[in-house]
Structures are given as C-alpha cells and as structure tokens.
Protein backbone atom coordinates (compact mmCIF):
# COMPACT_ATOMS: atom_id res chain seq x y z
CA MET A 1 135.53 -108.14 84.86
CA THR A 2 132.58 -108.72 82.57
CA ILE A 3 132.93 -108.49 78.80
CA ARG A 4 130.64 -105.44 78.84
CA ASN A 5 132.89 -103.57 81.26
CA ARG A 6 135.99 -104.69 79.39
CA LEU A 7 134.60 -103.43 76.08
CA THR A 8 133.45 -100.17 77.68
CA TRP A 9 136.86 -99.41 79.21
CA LEU A 10 138.66 -100.46 76.04
CA PHE A 11 136.42 -98.19 73.96
CA LEU A 12 136.82 -95.36 76.48
CA GLY A 13 140.60 -95.72 76.58
CA LEU A 14 140.92 -95.76 72.81
CA VAL A 15 138.72 -92.71 72.28
CA ALA A 16 140.34 -90.90 75.25
CA VAL A 17 143.80 -91.31 73.71
CA LEU A 18 142.60 -90.05 70.33
CA LEU A 19 140.67 -87.14 71.87
CA LEU A 20 143.57 -86.18 74.14
CA GLY A 21 145.93 -86.23 71.18
CA ALA A 22 143.58 -83.98 69.16
CA LEU A 23 143.09 -81.50 72.02
CA LEU A 24 146.81 -81.35 72.82
CA THR A 25 147.59 -80.77 69.15
CA ALA A 26 145.07 -77.91 69.02
CA PHE A 27 146.50 -76.40 72.21
CA VAL A 28 150.10 -76.63 71.03
CA LEU A 29 149.16 -75.01 67.71
CA GLN A 30 147.38 -72.21 69.59
CA VAL A 31 150.40 -71.67 71.86
CA ASP A 32 152.64 -71.44 68.83
CA TYR A 33 150.26 -69.05 67.09
CA THR A 34 150.03 -66.84 70.22
CA HIS A 35 153.81 -66.75 70.51
CA VAL A 36 154.31 -65.84 66.83
CA GLU A 37 151.51 -63.28 66.94
CA PHE A 38 153.06 -61.54 69.95
CA GLN A 39 156.46 -61.56 68.29
CA GLN A 40 154.87 -59.75 65.35
CA ARG A 41 153.44 -57.16 67.71
CA LEU A 42 156.84 -56.68 69.32
CA ARG A 43 158.36 -56.22 65.88
CA ASP A 44 155.76 -53.57 65.12
CA ARG A 45 156.59 -51.83 68.40
CA ALA A 46 160.28 -51.83 67.55
CA GLN A 47 159.56 -50.31 64.14
CA VAL A 48 157.29 -47.69 65.75
CA THR A 49 160.10 -46.79 68.11
CA GLY A 50 162.40 -46.27 65.16
CA TYR A 51 159.89 -44.02 63.48
CA VAL A 52 159.24 -42.05 66.62
CA PHE A 53 162.83 -41.34 67.51
CA LEU A 54 164.64 -41.52 64.20
CA GLU A 55 162.15 -40.56 61.50
CA GLN A 56 160.19 -37.83 63.28
CA ASP A 57 162.29 -35.09 61.70
CA GLU A 58 161.41 -36.40 58.25
CA LEU A 59 157.61 -36.66 58.76
CA GLY A 60 155.03 -33.91 58.51
CA VAL A 61 153.19 -32.87 61.64
CA GLU A 62 149.85 -34.28 60.52
CA SER A 63 151.38 -37.58 59.33
CA PHE A 64 153.23 -38.05 62.59
CA ARG A 65 150.02 -37.45 64.62
CA LYS A 66 148.15 -40.07 62.59
CA PHE A 67 151.05 -42.42 63.15
CA GLN A 68 150.92 -41.78 66.89
CA ARG A 69 147.18 -42.43 67.09
CA ARG A 70 147.50 -45.66 65.19
CA TYR A 71 150.60 -47.30 66.67
CA LEU A 72 151.51 -45.75 70.01
CA ARG A 73 149.64 -48.17 72.21
CA THR A 74 151.86 -49.57 74.87
CA LEU A 75 152.02 -53.31 75.77
CA THR A 76 151.98 -54.81 79.25
CA GLY A 77 155.39 -54.36 80.93
CA GLU A 78 156.73 -52.84 77.74
CA VAL A 79 160.43 -51.93 77.55
CA LEU A 80 161.92 -50.06 74.54
CA GLN A 81 165.65 -49.53 74.06
CA ILE A 82 167.76 -47.96 71.29
CA TYR A 83 171.50 -48.68 71.04
CA ASP A 84 174.16 -47.38 68.66
CA ARG A 85 176.80 -49.53 67.01
CA GLN A 86 178.87 -49.37 70.17
CA PHE A 87 175.90 -50.86 72.10
CA GLN A 88 175.42 -47.65 74.08
CA PRO A 89 171.88 -46.45 74.92
CA ARG A 90 170.62 -43.53 72.76
CA PHE A 91 167.56 -41.28 72.89
CA ILE A 92 166.07 -43.30 75.79
CA GLU A 93 167.58 -43.91 79.18
CA GLN A 94 168.47 -47.54 79.79
CA ASP A 95 165.60 -49.34 81.52
CA LYS A 96 166.69 -51.00 84.76
CA ARG A 97 164.02 -53.70 84.46
CA ILE A 98 165.94 -55.59 81.80
CA SER A 99 169.52 -56.55 81.14
CA ILE A 100 170.34 -57.52 77.57
CA PRO A 101 173.38 -59.81 77.23
CA GLY A 102 176.13 -58.43 75.02
CA LYS A 103 176.25 -61.55 72.87
CA VAL A 104 172.57 -61.05 71.99
CA LEU A 105 173.20 -57.44 70.98
CA ALA A 106 176.18 -58.58 68.90
CA ARG A 107 173.94 -60.95 66.91
CA ILE A 108 171.44 -58.29 65.90
CA PRO A 109 173.61 -56.37 63.36
CA ILE A 110 174.55 -59.70 61.77
CA GLU A 111 171.11 -61.36 61.64
CA LYS A 112 169.16 -58.06 61.28
CA GLU A 113 166.26 -59.46 63.32
CA VAL A 114 166.60 -61.56 66.50
CA TYR A 115 163.86 -62.93 68.81
CA PHE A 116 164.72 -63.91 72.39
CA ASP A 117 163.37 -64.01 75.94
CA LEU A 118 164.19 -61.72 78.84
CA GLY A 119 162.80 -63.38 81.94
CA PRO A 120 159.00 -63.27 81.69
CA ARG A 121 159.18 -60.98 78.65
CA GLN A 122 159.43 -61.80 74.99
CA ALA A 123 161.82 -59.53 73.10
CA VAL A 124 162.85 -58.66 69.55
CA GLY A 125 165.96 -56.86 68.34
CA LEU A 126 166.01 -54.99 64.97
CA TYR A 127 168.96 -53.54 63.09
CA TYR A 128 167.81 -50.08 61.96
CA GLN A 129 169.69 -47.92 59.42
CA ASP A 130 168.99 -44.19 59.33
CA ASN A 131 170.55 -40.99 57.97
CA GLN A 132 171.68 -40.32 61.53
CA GLY A 133 173.54 -43.65 61.69
CA ASP A 134 173.01 -47.35 62.37
CA PHE A 135 171.07 -48.33 65.49
CA ILE A 136 169.79 -51.39 67.35
CA ILE A 137 166.20 -51.23 68.56
CA VAL A 138 165.00 -53.66 71.23
CA ALA A 139 161.31 -54.07 72.18
CA ALA A 140 160.27 -56.35 75.08
CA ALA A 141 156.94 -56.96 76.81
CA GLN A 142 154.88 -59.54 78.67
CA ASN A 143 152.12 -61.29 76.77
CA ARG A 144 149.65 -61.39 79.67
CA SER A 145 146.56 -61.27 77.50
CA GLY A 146 147.90 -64.12 75.37
CA ARG A 147 148.77 -66.13 78.46
CA ALA A 148 145.31 -65.51 79.88
CA ARG A 149 143.73 -66.67 76.62
CA LEU A 150 145.88 -69.82 76.68
CA GLU A 151 144.95 -70.53 80.30
CA HIS A 152 141.29 -70.06 79.47
CA LEU A 153 141.68 -72.30 76.42
CA ALA A 154 143.42 -74.97 78.55
CA GLU A 155 140.57 -74.88 81.06
CA MET A 156 137.99 -75.20 78.29
CA LEU A 157 139.83 -78.09 76.63
CA ALA A 158 140.21 -79.86 80.00
CA GLY A 159 136.50 -79.42 80.64
CA ILE A 160 135.67 -80.66 77.17
CA PHE A 161 137.95 -83.66 77.72
CA VAL A 162 136.34 -84.59 81.05
CA VAL A 163 132.77 -84.11 79.80
CA SER A 164 133.60 -86.03 76.63
CA LEU A 165 134.96 -88.93 78.67
CA LEU A 166 131.75 -89.08 80.70
CA VAL A 167 129.63 -88.99 77.54
CA ILE A 168 131.85 -91.57 75.86
CA TYR A 169 131.67 -93.84 78.91
CA GLY A 170 127.87 -93.67 78.90
CA ALA A 171 127.73 -94.22 75.16
CA GLY A 172 130.21 -97.10 75.48
CA ARG A 173 128.07 -98.76 78.13
CA VAL A 174 125.00 -98.47 75.93
CA PHE A 175 126.89 -99.65 72.85
CA ALA A 176 128.45 -102.62 74.68
CA GLY A 177 125.09 -103.52 76.21
CA ARG A 178 123.37 -103.55 72.83
CA ALA A 179 126.25 -105.41 71.20
CA LEU A 180 126.21 -108.08 73.93
CA ALA A 181 122.44 -108.30 74.30
CA PRO A 182 122.20 -111.28 71.87
CA ILE A 183 124.93 -113.07 73.83
CA ALA A 184 123.02 -112.46 77.08
CA ALA A 185 119.89 -113.85 75.41
CA VAL A 186 121.78 -116.94 74.27
CA ASN A 187 123.22 -117.33 77.77
CA ASP A 188 119.71 -117.20 79.30
CA GLN A 189 118.48 -119.81 76.82
CA VAL A 190 121.44 -122.10 77.48
CA ASP A 191 120.99 -121.73 81.24
CA ARG A 192 117.47 -123.16 80.95
CA ILE A 193 118.62 -126.31 79.13
CA THR A 194 119.12 -129.32 81.38
CA THR A 195 119.50 -133.04 80.73
CA GLN A 196 115.70 -133.22 80.76
CA ASP A 197 115.33 -130.43 78.16
CA LEU A 198 117.85 -131.40 75.52
CA HIS A 199 115.14 -131.06 72.89
CA LEU A 200 115.28 -127.27 73.35
CA ARG A 201 117.38 -125.26 70.91
CA VAL A 202 119.10 -121.87 71.04
CA GLN A 203 117.48 -119.25 68.84
CA ALA A 204 120.07 -118.20 66.26
CA GLY A 205 118.29 -114.88 65.58
CA THR A 206 118.25 -113.24 62.20
CA GLY A 207 122.03 -113.07 61.76
CA SER A 208 123.53 -113.93 58.41
CA GLU A 209 125.93 -116.79 57.80
CA GLN A 210 128.82 -114.44 58.52
CA ASP A 211 127.38 -113.40 61.88
CA GLU A 212 129.64 -114.99 64.51
CA LEU A 213 126.85 -115.14 67.08
CA ALA A 214 124.47 -116.89 64.69
CA ARG A 215 127.21 -119.37 63.78
CA LEU A 216 127.88 -119.96 67.49
CA ALA A 217 124.19 -120.63 68.10
CA ARG A 218 124.02 -123.08 65.19
CA THR A 219 127.17 -124.85 66.41
CA PHE A 220 125.72 -125.10 69.92
CA ASN A 221 122.47 -126.50 68.50
CA ARG A 222 124.39 -129.17 66.63
CA MET A 223 126.16 -130.04 69.86
CA LEU A 224 122.78 -130.27 71.61
CA GLU A 225 121.56 -132.62 68.89
CA ARG A 226 124.55 -134.90 69.44
CA MET A 227 124.07 -134.74 73.20
CA GLU A 228 120.38 -135.51 72.87
CA GLU A 229 121.15 -138.51 70.69
CA GLY A 230 123.81 -139.65 73.16
CA PHE A 231 121.54 -139.23 76.20
CA GLU A 232 118.67 -140.97 74.45
CA ALA A 233 120.93 -143.85 73.47
CA GLN A 234 122.22 -143.99 77.04
CA ARG A 235 118.71 -144.04 78.51
CA THR A 236 117.68 -146.76 76.06
CA PHE A 237 120.85 -148.69 76.83
CA VAL A 238 120.36 -148.50 80.61
CA SER A 239 116.71 -149.43 80.34
CA ASN A 240 117.36 -152.41 78.08
CA ALA A 241 120.45 -153.49 80.01
CA SER A 242 118.51 -153.40 83.27
CA HIS A 243 115.78 -155.56 81.73
CA GLU A 244 118.25 -158.02 80.22
CA LEU A 245 120.14 -158.33 83.50
CA ARG A 246 116.99 -158.67 85.58
CA THR A 247 115.56 -161.52 83.47
CA PRO A 248 118.24 -164.22 84.13
CA LEU A 249 118.59 -163.13 87.74
CA THR A 250 114.85 -163.39 88.31
CA ALA A 251 114.75 -166.79 86.61
CA THR A 252 117.70 -168.04 88.64
CA ILE A 253 116.25 -166.85 91.94
CA GLY A 254 112.86 -168.34 91.08
CA GLU A 255 114.41 -171.69 90.17
CA LEU A 256 116.40 -171.80 93.41
CA GLN A 257 113.36 -170.86 95.48
CA VAL A 258 111.40 -173.69 93.89
CA LEU A 259 114.23 -176.17 94.58
CA LEU A 260 114.48 -175.07 98.21
CA SER A 261 110.74 -175.03 98.88
CA ARG A 262 110.74 -178.77 99.82
CA GLU A 263 112.79 -181.92 99.73
CA ARG A 264 113.31 -183.27 96.22
CA ALA A 265 114.89 -186.21 94.50
CA PRO A 266 118.53 -185.91 93.35
CA ALA A 267 117.43 -185.93 89.70
CA GLU A 268 115.22 -182.89 90.30
CA TYR A 269 118.12 -181.05 91.98
CA ARG A 270 120.36 -181.86 89.02
CA ALA A 271 117.73 -180.61 86.57
CA GLY A 272 117.25 -177.39 88.58
CA GLY A 273 121.02 -176.88 88.84
CA ALA A 274 121.38 -177.31 85.09
CA SER A 275 118.66 -174.71 84.53
CA VAL A 276 120.36 -172.27 86.92
CA LEU A 277 123.70 -172.92 85.25
CA GLY A 278 122.23 -172.13 81.84
CA GLU A 279 120.77 -168.86 83.10
CA LEU A 280 124.08 -167.89 84.74
CA GLN A 281 125.96 -168.68 81.54
CA GLN A 282 123.57 -166.41 79.64
CA LEU A 283 124.17 -163.73 82.28
CA LYS A 284 127.95 -164.15 81.96
CA GLN A 285 127.74 -163.84 78.17
CA LEU A 286 125.62 -160.69 78.51
CA LEU A 287 128.09 -159.12 80.98
CA ASN A 288 131.01 -159.94 78.68
CA ASN A 289 129.18 -158.31 75.79
CA LEU A 290 128.45 -155.21 77.88
CA LEU A 291 132.08 -154.92 78.96
CA ASP A 292 133.30 -155.30 75.39
CA LEU A 293 130.73 -152.78 74.19
CA THR A 294 131.86 -150.25 76.81
CA GLN A 295 135.53 -150.84 75.99
CA THR A 296 135.07 -150.31 72.27
CA SER A 297 132.90 -147.23 72.88
CA THR A 298 135.57 -145.45 74.93
CA GLN A 299 138.59 -146.53 72.88
CA THR A 300 139.81 -144.04 70.25
CA SER A 301 142.91 -145.99 69.20
CA LEU A 302 144.22 -149.53 69.37
CA THR A 303 146.92 -150.49 71.85
CA GLY A 304 149.43 -153.12 70.86
CA PRO A 305 148.14 -153.57 67.27
CA ASP A 306 148.92 -156.71 65.27
CA ASP A 307 149.35 -157.26 61.54
CA ILE A 308 146.38 -159.45 60.66
CA ARG A 309 145.60 -161.30 57.42
CA LEU A 310 141.87 -161.14 56.89
CA ASP A 311 141.60 -164.48 55.04
CA GLU A 312 143.20 -166.23 58.01
CA LEU A 313 140.97 -164.25 60.38
CA LEU A 314 137.88 -165.77 58.77
CA TRP A 315 138.98 -169.29 59.68
CA GLU A 316 139.79 -168.18 63.24
CA ALA A 317 136.29 -166.70 63.58
CA ARG A 318 134.81 -169.93 62.22
CA GLU A 319 136.76 -171.95 64.79
CA ALA A 320 135.39 -169.71 67.57
CA LEU A 321 131.87 -171.02 66.86
CA PRO A 322 130.42 -174.10 68.56
CA ALA A 323 131.69 -177.28 66.92
CA ASP A 324 128.25 -178.36 65.70
CA GLN A 325 127.75 -175.06 63.86
CA ARG A 326 131.09 -174.73 62.07
CA ARG A 327 130.19 -177.05 59.20
CA ARG A 328 127.30 -174.72 58.23
CA VAL A 329 129.73 -171.87 57.50
CA GLN A 330 130.98 -172.06 53.90
CA ILE A 331 133.96 -169.79 53.16
CA ALA A 332 134.77 -168.87 49.56
CA LEU A 333 137.74 -166.78 48.40
CA GLY A 334 137.42 -164.50 45.38
CA GLU A 335 140.20 -162.82 43.42
CA LEU A 336 143.09 -162.06 45.75
CA PRO A 337 146.31 -160.13 45.08
CA THR A 338 149.61 -161.94 44.67
CA ASP A 339 151.11 -159.73 47.35
CA SER A 340 149.74 -161.17 50.60
CA GLU A 341 150.54 -157.93 52.49
CA ARG A 342 147.59 -156.27 50.75
CA LEU A 343 145.31 -158.62 52.67
CA GLU A 344 146.67 -157.39 56.00
CA ILE A 345 145.28 -154.75 58.32
CA THR A 346 146.61 -153.45 61.60
CA GLY A 347 144.43 -154.06 64.63
CA ASN A 348 143.48 -156.14 67.62
CA ARG A 349 143.15 -159.77 66.55
CA GLN A 350 141.00 -160.80 69.52
CA LEU A 351 138.46 -158.02 68.93
CA LEU A 352 138.23 -158.70 65.20
CA VAL A 353 137.69 -162.42 65.79
CA ARG A 354 134.93 -161.48 68.26
CA ALA A 355 133.26 -159.19 65.71
CA LEU A 356 133.28 -161.72 62.87
CA ALA A 357 132.17 -164.51 65.21
CA ASN A 358 129.19 -162.38 66.33
CA LEU A 359 128.20 -161.77 62.69
CA LEU A 360 128.49 -165.50 61.88
CA ASP A 361 126.57 -166.43 65.04
CA ASN A 362 123.71 -164.06 64.10
CA ALA A 363 123.55 -165.49 60.58
CA LEU A 364 123.39 -169.03 61.98
CA LYS A 365 120.82 -168.25 64.71
CA TYR A 366 118.34 -166.58 62.38
CA SER A 367 118.61 -169.25 59.67
CA ALA A 368 116.83 -172.54 59.59
CA PRO A 369 118.68 -175.46 61.28
CA GLY A 370 121.10 -177.07 58.87
CA GLN A 371 120.90 -174.15 56.43
CA ALA A 372 124.32 -172.97 55.22
CA VAL A 373 125.75 -169.49 55.75
CA GLU A 374 127.90 -168.24 52.88
CA VAL A 375 131.05 -166.18 53.53
CA HIS A 376 132.79 -164.60 50.57
CA PHE A 377 136.14 -162.78 50.81
CA ASP A 378 137.25 -160.59 47.94
CA TYR A 379 139.86 -157.93 47.11
CA ARG A 380 138.93 -155.17 44.68
CA ALA A 381 140.19 -151.62 44.05
CA GLY A 382 142.27 -151.59 47.21
CA GLN A 383 139.33 -152.69 49.38
CA ARG A 384 139.12 -155.94 51.34
CA CYS A 385 135.51 -157.06 51.48
CA ILE A 386 133.92 -159.78 53.66
CA ARG A 387 130.33 -160.62 52.71
CA ILE A 388 128.22 -162.88 54.97
CA THR A 389 124.95 -164.10 53.45
CA ASP A 390 122.19 -166.08 55.14
CA HIS A 391 118.75 -167.17 53.94
CA GLY A 392 116.99 -166.82 57.27
CA ILE A 393 114.08 -164.79 58.61
CA GLY A 394 115.41 -161.42 57.39
CA ILE A 395 114.77 -157.95 58.78
CA SER A 396 111.87 -155.63 57.96
CA GLY A 397 112.54 -152.27 56.35
CA LYS A 398 111.14 -150.53 59.44
CA ALA A 399 113.49 -152.32 61.83
CA LEU A 400 116.61 -152.22 59.63
CA PRO A 401 117.77 -148.65 60.61
CA GLN A 402 117.67 -149.60 64.31
CA VAL A 403 119.56 -152.90 64.24
CA PHE A 404 122.82 -151.27 65.40
CA GLN A 405 121.27 -149.95 68.61
CA PRO A 406 122.34 -152.02 71.63
CA PHE A 407 119.58 -154.36 72.88
CA PHE A 408 117.30 -153.66 69.92
CA ARG A 409 115.61 -156.77 68.59
CA ALA A 410 113.13 -156.90 65.76
CA ASP A 411 109.72 -158.39 66.44
CA ASN A 412 110.40 -161.54 64.39
CA ALA A 413 113.73 -162.07 66.21
CA ARG A 414 112.35 -162.31 69.74
CA VAL A 415 111.64 -166.04 69.34
CA VAL A 416 115.42 -166.63 69.13
CA SER A 417 117.50 -166.39 72.32
CA GLY A 418 119.83 -163.43 72.44
CA HIS A 419 120.35 -159.97 73.88
CA GLY A 420 120.70 -157.66 70.85
CA VAL A 421 124.28 -156.66 71.68
CA GLY A 422 126.35 -158.71 69.24
CA LEU A 423 125.62 -156.65 66.11
CA ALA A 424 126.25 -153.30 67.85
CA LEU A 425 129.51 -154.65 69.28
CA ALA A 426 130.64 -155.95 65.88
CA ARG A 427 129.97 -152.59 64.22
CA ARG A 428 131.94 -150.66 66.83
CA ILE A 429 134.90 -153.02 66.52
CA VAL A 430 134.88 -152.64 62.72
CA LEU A 431 134.69 -148.83 62.99
CA LEU A 432 137.52 -148.87 65.52
CA HIS A 433 139.67 -150.59 62.89
CA GLY A 434 138.78 -148.03 60.22
CA GLY A 435 136.31 -150.26 58.41
CA GLU A 436 132.65 -150.04 57.47
CA LEU A 437 129.77 -152.43 58.15
CA HIS A 438 126.64 -152.43 55.96
CA ILE A 439 123.48 -154.53 56.19
CA SER A 440 120.87 -155.20 53.55
CA SER A 441 117.94 -157.50 54.19
CA GLU A 442 114.55 -158.64 52.96
CA LEU A 443 111.95 -159.94 55.34
CA GLY A 444 111.62 -163.71 54.99
CA ALA A 445 114.39 -163.93 52.37
CA GLY A 446 117.61 -163.45 54.35
CA THR A 447 120.27 -160.90 55.21
CA VAL A 448 123.59 -159.78 53.71
CA VAL A 449 126.24 -158.27 55.97
CA GLU A 450 129.21 -156.63 54.29
CA VAL A 451 132.41 -155.61 56.10
CA VAL A 452 134.81 -153.45 54.10
CA PHE A 453 138.38 -152.48 55.10
C-alpha cells in the first residue's frame, strides 16, 4: 500500500470514529429526550384523568369545557385506569389490553409517581388524593410519533455519516496528494540521477530548516557530494592504475620482443634480462602498493593490534630502507616523558613501519644525492609527533592539496621514478591508527611532513 493510500485510510478512519461518536451521542441524547418528553405527556394524561373523573363535581361548567378542549386529546393506543387503595378498578372498566403487575401498583402509593413499561407502551402511575378518597391513576400509550421521528433521525444520521465518509475520503486523497507531492518530486529527481549524473542535486524547495523534507533533500545532496567525490576518485584511480600497470608491461614485452627478434650474444641477453627484471620488480612494487592501499581503504579497525613504541618504530623504518640510503637519515629525539608507556600506541607494527618507510623514501628520493633527511621525534601536551624534513625539490602551492590522491605526481616530480602511491598509503595507515598527517612545502626549498598521534 502506498503512503498516500495509507494516510488517506488513516485519516478516514480517525475522522470516521470521531464522527460516528458524535452522531451516536446526538442520537442517544435525542432518544433520551423523546422518552422523557413522552413520559411528561403521560403524566399530563394521568392528571387530566384525575380531573375528569374526580374533580368534575368541583369545577364550573365553563371551566370544565375549557379543560376538555385543552387536554382531552387522546394518544396512540392510550389506556387509562383508575384504582382505589385496594387496587380495584373504579370509574372506568378495566382495559383488557394491559395487565398491570400487583407489585407495580403497590409501589405507586409509596413512591407517589412511578414510570414503567407495559409491552410496547410506556406507562406512568400517579398517587391521587381526593375528597372522595385515595386513588391510583395509570396512563399508558405507545409513542409512535416519537419512534417515527427517531427512525427518521437515524436514517438522516446514517445518510450524513455515509456522505461524510465519501467527502472525507475525497478530501483525504487530495490532502495526502498535496502533502506527498514534494516527496514525489524528490523521488522523480532522484530517479534521474545515475552514476553518470552525480553532479545533479535534489531541489530542497523553499522549506525552512525545520521542514523534514527540506532536511532530507539536503542530507541526500550531501550524500551525493560524497558519492561524487568517491566515484571521481575511483575513476582517477582506475585510470592512473591502468596507465601505471600498462607502462612496465609494455616495456617488458618490448624488451623481450627485441631480444627474440634475432640471435644475440650472451651479454646482450643478460643485459635484456636485467632490464626485464627491473621492470618486473617495479611492477611487483606497484602491485604491493595497490594491495596495501586497498586493504587500508576497506579496514575500519585493526586486527591483532600490538603495543608499539614510536621511538623504536623510527629505527625499524630506517632499517627498512636500502642500506646505502640509511646513513642519510638523521634521527633526533626531543623531550620525552620518563614513563615510556606514553610513547606507545596500539596498532599494526608492519603497517606503521611501511608508512614511515614510505615517508622517508619520498624525502630521500626528492632530495639531492648525499643530502641528509632530518627526523625529529618529540612528546608534547600528550601528543607524539614525528617530523620528517628534507631540503629537496619541494612541492608547489597548486599541487600541494592533491598530493594525497593516489597516483598524483607533481610536474617537478615526474623526473624521479615512482608511482605516486606511497604518500596516499602512508596517510591512510596513519588515519587508521587514529593519527594525523600534515605536509607543508616550499617549491625548491624542501618539504616538512608531520605525523601526530
């Protein structure tokens, strides 16, 4: 069932219950009023009977005639009885149409006025005292006109109820349609957005900040922005990865084709094999970087974490470098706490060594041969800070915001072999361990990389 139909039926049901309750209340009140009104008429008839049969001798002729003209109008199925204190009929013969129980007659002298039912008739019994004695007067009749009015009222209320339900249903459909029209518009807009149209946005309308639909549209737009960034990064990644993978494969195939084109001397085969081996090693390094990059991108927590001292980790990262480059890395320790546990973090030792080694390798590659790279480790205000400083080619201000994108390489860095994955991988590993990685650089003056845990 659609939301529109659900809202319509919910609205209809709620209003129907309220309307039915109001109509039933009005009908019950009318029934009660009709019953009481007819009882009053019966009481008047009983009093008239007393006047007619017991007070006639005390009234003047003219007064009695006026009384007759005013009150002697019979009711439908009317029965009038007069009994003495011994419950014997007087003045009027006992009507065979009714039979009054003795216990009801016995109540009348005590309660003075008693209302009761005799089959389809309503009845009233009055205790009447006269100079001729004490009597019981009973008046009974059928309230056919009142019943007819109630039946007519019931038919009218039922008709009103049915017509009202139809009107309410139509109004509910219109109301639900208008209320859900913005949602339908948003749905149509969302349905047109594909992976090729992630730049499109949902119109939030003119709703205020408290409008749930406007807030939903804004939330969806923010999600689209994140998706667009993710898809763009993925497209860039795939494009760059394809290019980086194709280059060593093309070079390897070309080298092998040249070697196999004719007979060559053993030295030429060895030189060609060495070239192919170098390309394959570059390809292996690139694949390892891609696998590590994918692993760190999908991981949300660390499995099997270790307690790692960061000062020791620096020396392990230094040892992971080629032997001829280690001497260029100069590690200096600043002020450290006496409690060595404050230098520890929980994480994956292998990944952290990989991240720091990538940062050191970048600093070495983009510095002049033989130029030192300075590493400073410090502890301040509860933060453990590793600062790596080189005096190499630096990064331009235009390229600096993009250096964390996989496969991005600044124009002045293309002369150095590499794939542009190491820095992105290092940043993701640091973030995975709850740290931060910041880079500041000046073109031609060097770069400072700061890792803070």
